[in-house]
Amino acid sequence: MQGMDKQELMAKIVAKVGREKAIDMVMQAYNTEMLTTLLHRLEENKPNMISKFNRRDQLTDALTRVLEVCELAT
């Protein structure tokens, strides 16, 4: 899955579960990624800011996680 862009990841997910379900699953995973990042910052007593230099790409992480789960189910 490394090297795939967001559109490729989403297309693979849509092919497995359909468009509407894919959107729902990715949005839930994205929200989880965002909360995890914010909780991690709070635990480390860091400012609640996401700067350009240390921001993870939560959307790509969410897409990757959803695709991993979809592939496990097949």
C-alpha atoms as a PDB file:
ATOM      1  CA  MET A   1       0.000   0.000   0.000  1.00  0.00           C
ATOM      2  CA  GLN A   2       3.001   2.247   0.209  1.00  0.00           C
ATOM      3  CA  GLY A   3       3.283   4.666  -2.653  1.00  0.00           C
ATOM      4  CA  MET A   4      -0.450   4.851  -3.332  1.00  0.00           C
ATOM      5  CA  ASP A   5      -2.017   8.265  -3.368  1.00  0.00           C
ATOM      6  CA  LYS A   6      -5.312   9.119  -1.689  1.00  0.00           C
ATOM      7  CA  GLN A   7      -7.391   8.620  -4.828  1.00  0.00           C
ATOM      8  CA  GLU A   8      -5.952   5.149  -5.410  1.00  0.00           C
ATOM      9  CA  LEU A   9      -6.559   4.157  -1.796  1.00  0.00           C
ATOM     10  CA  MET A  10     -10.151   5.414  -1.916  1.00  0.00           C
ATOM     11  CA  ALA A  11     -10.799   3.677  -5.252  1.00  0.00           C
ATOM     12  CA  LYS A  12      -9.677   0.358  -3.753  1.00  0.00           C
ATOM     13  CA  ILE A  13     -11.950   0.852  -0.746  1.00  0.00           C
ATOM     14  CA  VAL A  14     -14.914   1.813  -2.947  1.00  0.00           C
ATOM     15  CA  ALA A  15     -14.339  -1.308  -5.057  1.00  0.00           C
ATOM     16  CA  LYS A  16     -14.565  -3.450  -1.927  1.00  0.00           C
ATOM     17  CA  VAL A  17     -17.491  -1.878  -0.025  1.00  0.00           C
ATOM     18  CA  GLY A  18     -19.249   0.609  -2.319  1.00  0.00           C
ATOM     19  CA  ARG A  19     -19.130   4.394  -2.447  1.00  0.00           C
ATOM     20  CA  GLU A  20     -21.415   5.335   0.447  1.00  0.00           C
ATOM     21  CA  LYS A  21     -19.988   2.772   2.865  1.00  0.00           C
ATOM     22  CA  ALA A  22     -16.440   3.766   1.856  1.00  0.00           C
ATOM     23  CA  ILE A  23     -17.123   7.428   2.615  1.00  0.00           C
ATOM     24  CA  ASP A  24     -18.634   6.547   5.991  1.00  0.00           C
ATOM     25  CA  MET A  25     -15.784   4.215   6.954  1.00  0.00           C
ATOM     26  CA  VAL A  26     -13.068   6.671   5.920  1.00  0.00           C
ATOM     27  CA  MET A  27     -14.739   9.573   7.730  1.00  0.00           C
ATOM     28  CA  GLN A  28     -14.966   7.532  10.926  1.00  0.00           C
ATOM     29  CA  ALA A  29     -11.327   6.502  10.608  1.00  0.00           C
ATOM     30  CA  TYR A  30     -10.307  10.101   9.863  1.00  0.00           C
ATOM     31  CA  ASN A  31     -12.111  11.365  12.960  1.00  0.00           C
ATOM     32  CA  THR A  32     -10.333   8.711  15.003  1.00  0.00           C
ATOM     33  CA  GLU A  33      -6.954   9.746  13.567  1.00  0.00           C
ATOM     34  CA  MET A  34      -7.649  13.403  14.417  1.00  0.00           C
ATOM     35  CA  LEU A  35      -8.721  12.567  17.983  1.00  0.00           C
ATOM     36  CA  THR A  36      -5.681  10.350  18.470  1.00  0.00           C
ATOM     37  CA  THR A  37      -3.387  13.158  17.354  1.00  0.00           C
ATOM     38  CA  LEU A  38      -5.063  15.690  19.648  1.00  0.00           C
ATOM     39  CA  LEU A  39      -5.044  13.318  22.638  1.00  0.00           C
ATOM     40  CA  HIS A  40      -1.382  12.573  22.067  1.00  0.00           C
ATOM     41  CA  ARG A  41      -0.605  16.287  22.106  1.00  0.00           C
ATOM     42  CA  LEU A  42      -2.591  16.785  25.309  1.00  0.00           C
ATOM     43  CA  GLU A  43      -0.833  13.871  27.003  1.00  0.00           C
ATOM     44  CA  GLU A  44       2.537  15.342  26.128  1.00  0.00           C
ATOM     45  CA  ASN A  45       1.370  18.784  27.267  1.00  0.00           C
ATOM     46  CA  LYS A  46       2.057  20.221  23.841  1.00  0.00           C
ATOM     47  CA  PRO A  47       0.197  23.198  22.427  1.00  0.00           C
ATOM     48  CA  ASN A  48      -3.063  22.288  20.750  1.00  0.00           C
ATOM     49  CA  MET A  49      -1.812  23.515  17.400  1.00  0.00           C
ATOM     50  CA  ILE A  50      -1.018  21.509  14.332  1.00  0.00           C
ATOM     51  CA  SER A  51       1.871  23.119  12.518  1.00  0.00           C
ATOM     52  CA  LYS A  52       2.946  22.405   8.976  1.00  0.00           C
ATOM     53  CA  PHE A  53       6.232  20.906  10.078  1.00  0.00           C
ATOM     54  CA  ASN A  54       5.010  18.137  12.365  1.00  0.00           C
ATOM     55  CA  ARG A  55       1.515  17.452  11.076  1.00  0.00           C
ATOM     56  CA  ARG A  56       0.782  13.908  10.038  1.00  0.00           C
ATOM     57  CA  ASP A  57      -1.427  13.240   7.057  1.00  0.00           C
ATOM     58  CA  GLN A  58      -4.399  11.867   8.963  1.00  0.00           C
ATOM     59  CA  LEU A  59      -6.458  11.330   5.806  1.00  0.00           C
ATOM     60  CA  THR A  60      -3.857   9.050   4.250  1.00  0.00           C
ATOM     61  CA  ASP A  61      -3.507   7.228   7.576  1.00  0.00           C
ATOM     62  CA  ALA A  62      -7.295   6.764   7.723  1.00  0.00           C
ATOM     63  CA  LEU A  63      -7.491   5.527   4.138  1.00  0.00           C
ATOM     64  CA  THR A  64      -4.666   3.083   4.762  1.00  0.00           C
ATOM     65  CA  ARG A  65      -6.269   1.715   7.921  1.00  0.00           C
ATOM     66  CA  VAL A  66      -9.665   1.233   6.260  1.00  0.00           C
ATOM     67  CA  LEU A  67      -8.090  -0.516   3.264  1.00  0.00           C
ATOM     68  CA  GLU A  68      -6.117  -2.786   5.596  1.00  0.00           C
ATOM     69  CA  VAL A  69      -9.340  -3.816   7.355  1.00  0.00           C
ATOM     70  CA  CYS A  70     -11.158  -4.342   4.048  1.00  0.00           C
ATOM     71  CA  GLU A  71      -8.361  -6.573   2.792  1.00  0.00           C
ATOM     72  CA  LEU A  72      -8.413  -8.601   5.998  1.00  0.00           C
ATOM     73  CA  ALA A  73     -12.093  -9.310   5.468  1.00  0.00           C
ATOM     74  CA  THR A  74     -11.587 -10.815   1.994  1.00  0.00           C
END
